[in-house]
N, C-alpha and C. Protein backbone atom coordinates (compact mmCIF):
# COMPACT_ATOMS: atom_id res chain seq x y z
N MET A 1 0.84 -1.17 0.00
CA MET A 1 0.00 0.00 0.00
C MET A 1 0.89 1.24 0.00
N ARG A 2 0.52 2.20 -0.84
CA ARG A 2 1.23 3.48 -0.88
C ARG A 2 0.23 4.60 -0.60
N ILE A 3 0.62 5.48 0.32
CA ILE A 3 -0.25 6.58 0.73
C ILE A 3 0.53 7.88 0.57
N TRP A 4 -0.10 8.83 -0.09
CA TRP A 4 0.53 10.12 -0.38
C TRP A 4 -0.06 11.17 0.55
N PHE A 5 0.82 11.85 1.28
CA PHE A 5 0.41 12.93 2.17
C PHE A 5 0.94 14.24 1.61
N LYS A 6 0.06 15.27 1.59
CA LYS A 6 0.44 16.57 1.03
C LYS A 6 -0.03 17.68 1.95
N ILE A 7 0.82 18.69 2.13
CA ILE A 7 0.45 19.87 2.90
C ILE A 7 0.31 21.04 1.93
N PHE A 8 -0.85 21.72 2.00
CA PHE A 8 -1.13 22.84 1.11
C PHE A 8 -1.35 24.13 1.90
N LYS A 9 -0.90 25.23 1.32
CA LYS A 9 -1.20 26.56 1.82
C LYS A 9 -1.38 27.47 0.62
N ASP A 10 -2.48 28.22 0.60
CA ASP A 10 -2.80 29.13 -0.51
C ASP A 10 -2.76 28.41 -1.86
N ASN A 11 -3.34 27.21 -1.90
CA ASN A 11 -3.40 26.38 -3.12
C ASN A 11 -2.03 26.00 -3.67
N ARG A 12 -1.03 25.98 -2.82
CA ARG A 12 0.31 25.55 -3.23
C ARG A 12 0.76 24.38 -2.37
N LEU A 13 1.40 23.45 -3.01
CA LEU A 13 1.94 22.29 -2.31
C LEU A 13 3.20 22.72 -1.58
N LEU A 14 3.22 22.58 -0.25
CA LEU A 14 4.39 22.95 0.54
C LEU A 14 5.32 21.76 0.77
N LYS A 15 4.71 20.64 1.17
CA LYS A 15 5.48 19.43 1.47
C LYS A 15 4.66 18.23 1.03
N ASP A 16 5.36 17.16 0.70
CA ASP A 16 4.66 15.91 0.46
C ASP A 16 5.57 14.75 0.78
N ILE A 17 4.94 13.62 1.02
CA ILE A 17 5.68 12.40 1.34
C ILE A 17 4.80 11.21 0.91
N VAL A 18 5.44 10.18 0.41
CA VAL A 18 4.73 8.94 0.08
C VAL A 18 5.22 7.88 1.06
N VAL A 19 4.28 7.26 1.75
CA VAL A 19 4.61 6.21 2.71
C VAL A 19 4.18 4.88 2.11
N THR A 20 5.11 3.94 2.09
CA THR A 20 4.85 2.60 1.57
C THR A 20 4.80 1.62 2.73
N ASP A 21 3.78 0.78 2.74
CA ASP A 21 3.63 -0.22 3.80
C ASP A 21 3.27 -1.55 3.16
N ASP A 22 4.21 -2.48 3.16
CA ASP A 22 3.98 -3.80 2.58
C ASP A 22 3.75 -4.87 3.65
N SER A 23 3.44 -4.43 4.86
CA SER A 23 3.24 -5.38 5.96
C SER A 23 1.91 -6.13 5.78
N ASP A 24 1.68 -7.08 6.66
CA ASP A 24 0.44 -7.87 6.63
C ASP A 24 -0.64 -7.28 7.53
N ASP A 25 -0.44 -6.03 7.98
CA ASP A 25 -1.42 -5.35 8.81
C ASP A 25 -2.72 -5.13 8.05
N THR A 26 -3.77 -4.78 8.76
CA THR A 26 -5.04 -4.44 8.12
C THR A 26 -4.90 -3.08 7.43
N ARG A 27 -5.83 -2.79 6.55
CA ARG A 27 -5.80 -1.51 5.82
C ARG A 27 -5.85 -0.34 6.79
N THR A 28 -6.71 -0.44 7.80
CA THR A 28 -6.86 0.63 8.79
C THR A 28 -5.56 0.85 9.55
N HIS A 29 -4.91 -0.22 9.99
CA HIS A 29 -3.65 -0.09 10.71
C HIS A 29 -2.57 0.54 9.83
N LYS A 30 -2.54 0.14 8.56
CA LYS A 30 -1.56 0.72 7.64
C LYS A 30 -1.77 2.22 7.50
N ILE A 31 -3.03 2.66 7.40
CA ILE A 31 -3.33 4.08 7.25
C ILE A 31 -2.95 4.84 8.51
N PHE A 32 -3.33 4.31 9.68
CA PHE A 32 -2.98 4.98 10.94
C PHE A 32 -1.47 5.04 11.16
N ASN A 33 -0.77 3.96 10.84
CA ASN A 33 0.69 3.94 10.98
C ASN A 33 1.35 4.94 10.03
N ALA A 34 0.85 5.03 8.81
CA ALA A 34 1.40 5.98 7.84
C ALA A 34 1.14 7.41 8.28
N LEU A 35 -0.04 7.66 8.82
CA LEU A 35 -0.37 9.00 9.32
C LEU A 35 0.53 9.37 10.48
N GLU A 36 0.76 8.44 11.39
CA GLU A 36 1.64 8.69 12.53
C GLU A 36 3.07 8.99 12.06
N GLN A 37 3.55 8.21 11.10
CA GLN A 37 4.89 8.41 10.56
C GLN A 37 5.00 9.78 9.88
N THR A 38 3.98 10.15 9.14
CA THR A 38 3.98 11.44 8.43
C THR A 38 3.95 12.60 9.41
N CYS A 39 3.13 12.50 10.44
CA CYS A 39 3.06 13.57 11.44
C CYS A 39 4.40 13.73 12.15
N TYR A 40 5.09 12.63 12.38
CA TYR A 40 6.43 12.70 12.97
C TYR A 40 7.40 13.41 12.02
N GLU A 41 7.37 13.02 10.75
CA GLU A 41 8.25 13.64 9.74
C GLU A 41 8.00 15.13 9.58
N PHE A 42 6.72 15.53 9.59
CA PHE A 42 6.34 16.93 9.38
C PHE A 42 6.26 17.71 10.69
N ASP A 43 6.53 17.06 11.83
CA ASP A 43 6.47 17.68 13.15
C ASP A 43 5.09 18.26 13.43
N LEU A 44 4.06 17.41 13.26
CA LEU A 44 2.67 17.82 13.48
C LEU A 44 2.06 16.97 14.59
N SER A 45 1.04 17.52 15.24
CA SER A 45 0.25 16.69 16.13
C SER A 45 -0.65 15.83 15.26
N LYS A 46 -1.06 14.68 15.78
CA LYS A 46 -1.91 13.80 14.99
C LYS A 46 -3.30 14.41 14.87
N PRO A 47 -3.86 14.44 13.67
CA PRO A 47 -5.21 14.99 13.50
C PRO A 47 -6.29 14.04 14.01
N ILE A 48 -7.43 14.62 14.27
CA ILE A 48 -8.59 13.87 14.73
C ILE A 48 -9.44 13.53 13.50
N TRP A 49 -9.89 12.27 13.44
CA TRP A 49 -10.75 11.85 12.33
C TRP A 49 -12.19 12.25 12.67
N LEU A 50 -12.66 13.35 12.11
CA LEU A 50 -14.04 13.76 12.30
C LEU A 50 -14.94 12.93 11.39
N GLU A 51 -16.22 12.92 11.69
CA GLU A 51 -17.17 12.10 10.92
C GLU A 51 -17.13 12.44 9.43
N ALA A 52 -17.05 13.73 9.11
CA ALA A 52 -17.01 14.16 7.70
C ALA A 52 -15.72 13.67 7.03
N THR A 53 -14.63 13.66 7.76
CA THR A 53 -13.34 13.19 7.22
C THR A 53 -13.42 11.70 6.92
N ILE A 54 -14.00 10.95 7.83
CA ILE A 54 -14.13 9.50 7.65
C ILE A 54 -14.99 9.19 6.43
N GLU A 55 -16.12 9.87 6.30
CA GLU A 55 -17.01 9.64 5.17
C GLU A 55 -16.32 9.97 3.84
N GLU A 56 -15.61 11.08 3.80
CA GLU A 56 -14.88 11.47 2.58
C GLU A 56 -13.84 10.41 2.23
N PHE A 57 -13.13 9.92 3.25
CA PHE A 57 -12.10 8.91 3.01
C PHE A 57 -12.70 7.60 2.52
N LYS A 58 -13.82 7.21 3.08
CA LYS A 58 -14.49 5.97 2.64
C LYS A 58 -14.93 6.06 1.19
N ARG A 59 -15.44 7.21 0.80
CA ARG A 59 -15.96 7.40 -0.56
C ARG A 59 -14.86 7.50 -1.61
N HIS A 60 -13.79 8.22 -1.30
CA HIS A 60 -12.81 8.56 -2.34
C HIS A 60 -11.39 8.04 -2.10
N ALA A 61 -11.14 7.36 -0.98
CA ALA A 61 -9.79 6.95 -0.56
C ALA A 61 -8.88 8.18 -0.49
N LYS A 62 -9.49 9.29 -0.11
CA LYS A 62 -8.79 10.58 -0.05
C LYS A 62 -9.53 11.45 0.96
N ALA A 63 -8.79 12.20 1.76
CA ALA A 63 -9.43 13.08 2.74
C ALA A 63 -8.51 14.25 3.05
N ARG A 64 -9.11 15.32 3.57
CA ARG A 64 -8.35 16.50 3.97
C ARG A 64 -8.58 16.78 5.44
N PHE A 65 -7.48 17.07 6.13
CA PHE A 65 -7.53 17.45 7.54
C PHE A 65 -7.30 18.96 7.62
N TYR A 66 -8.32 19.69 8.08
CA TYR A 66 -8.25 21.13 8.23
C TYR A 66 -7.95 21.49 9.68
N GLN A 67 -7.94 22.78 9.99
CA GLN A 67 -7.66 23.23 11.36
C GLN A 67 -8.59 22.56 12.37
N ASP A 68 -9.82 22.31 12.00
CA ASP A 68 -10.78 21.68 12.91
C ASP A 68 -10.34 20.28 13.34
N ASN A 69 -9.51 19.63 12.54
CA ASN A 69 -9.04 18.28 12.85
C ASN A 69 -7.84 18.27 13.79
N PHE A 70 -7.23 19.42 14.00
CA PHE A 70 -6.03 19.50 14.82
C PHE A 70 -6.32 20.22 16.13
N VAL A 71 -5.72 19.76 17.23
CA VAL A 71 -5.86 20.42 18.52
C VAL A 71 -5.01 21.69 18.54
N GLU A 72 -3.78 21.57 18.04
CA GLU A 72 -2.86 22.71 17.99
C GLU A 72 -3.10 23.52 16.71
N ALA A 73 -2.66 24.77 16.73
CA ALA A 73 -2.77 25.62 15.54
C ALA A 73 -1.82 25.10 14.46
N ILE A 74 -2.26 25.18 13.20
CA ILE A 74 -1.42 24.77 12.08
C ILE A 74 -1.12 25.99 11.21
N ASP A 75 0.02 25.97 10.53
CA ASP A 75 0.42 27.10 9.70
C ASP A 75 0.25 26.80 8.21
N PHE A 76 -0.73 25.96 7.89
CA PHE A 76 -1.06 25.63 6.51
C PHE A 76 -2.57 25.49 6.43
N ASP A 77 -3.09 25.34 5.22
CA ASP A 77 -4.55 25.25 5.04
C ASP A 77 -5.10 23.85 5.34
N PHE A 78 -4.42 22.82 4.81
CA PHE A 78 -4.89 21.46 5.07
C PHE A 78 -3.80 20.44 4.76
N LEU A 79 -3.96 19.26 5.39
CA LEU A 79 -3.14 18.09 5.12
C LEU A 79 -4.03 17.11 4.39
N GLU A 80 -3.59 16.68 3.21
CA GLU A 80 -4.39 15.75 2.41
C GLU A 80 -3.76 14.37 2.46
N ILE A 81 -4.59 13.36 2.61
CA ILE A 81 -4.16 11.96 2.57
C ILE A 81 -4.84 11.32 1.36
N HIS A 82 -4.06 10.53 0.60
CA HIS A 82 -4.58 9.93 -0.62
C HIS A 82 -3.95 8.55 -0.79
N VAL A 83 -4.78 7.53 -0.80
CA VAL A 83 -4.28 6.17 -1.04
C VAL A 83 -4.08 6.04 -2.54
N ILE A 84 -2.82 5.87 -2.97
CA ILE A 84 -2.55 5.82 -4.40
C ILE A 84 -2.35 4.39 -4.93
N GLU A 85 -2.15 3.45 -4.02
CA GLU A 85 -1.99 2.06 -4.45
C GLU A 85 -2.29 1.14 -3.29
N GLU A 86 -3.13 0.15 -3.52
CA GLU A 86 -3.45 -0.79 -2.44
C GLU A 86 -2.81 -2.13 -2.68
């Protein structure tokens, strides 16, 4: 599984990372582990999965985490997660 994380501000890509996980974990565990790894790399607090975020991710294998998803203030518009290969 490959998951692409992107940070945007003012419609510009600031940072991105692709996390690859070939383990035998479940899809959910792979996503959570990749998110944790990405937050560590980008020095971010882990975002909260709100109901709207979960629904968007289920429908499109893609979701955006806005300020509402973070406890701490963020200096970008959103963090996007996109499953690019399963």
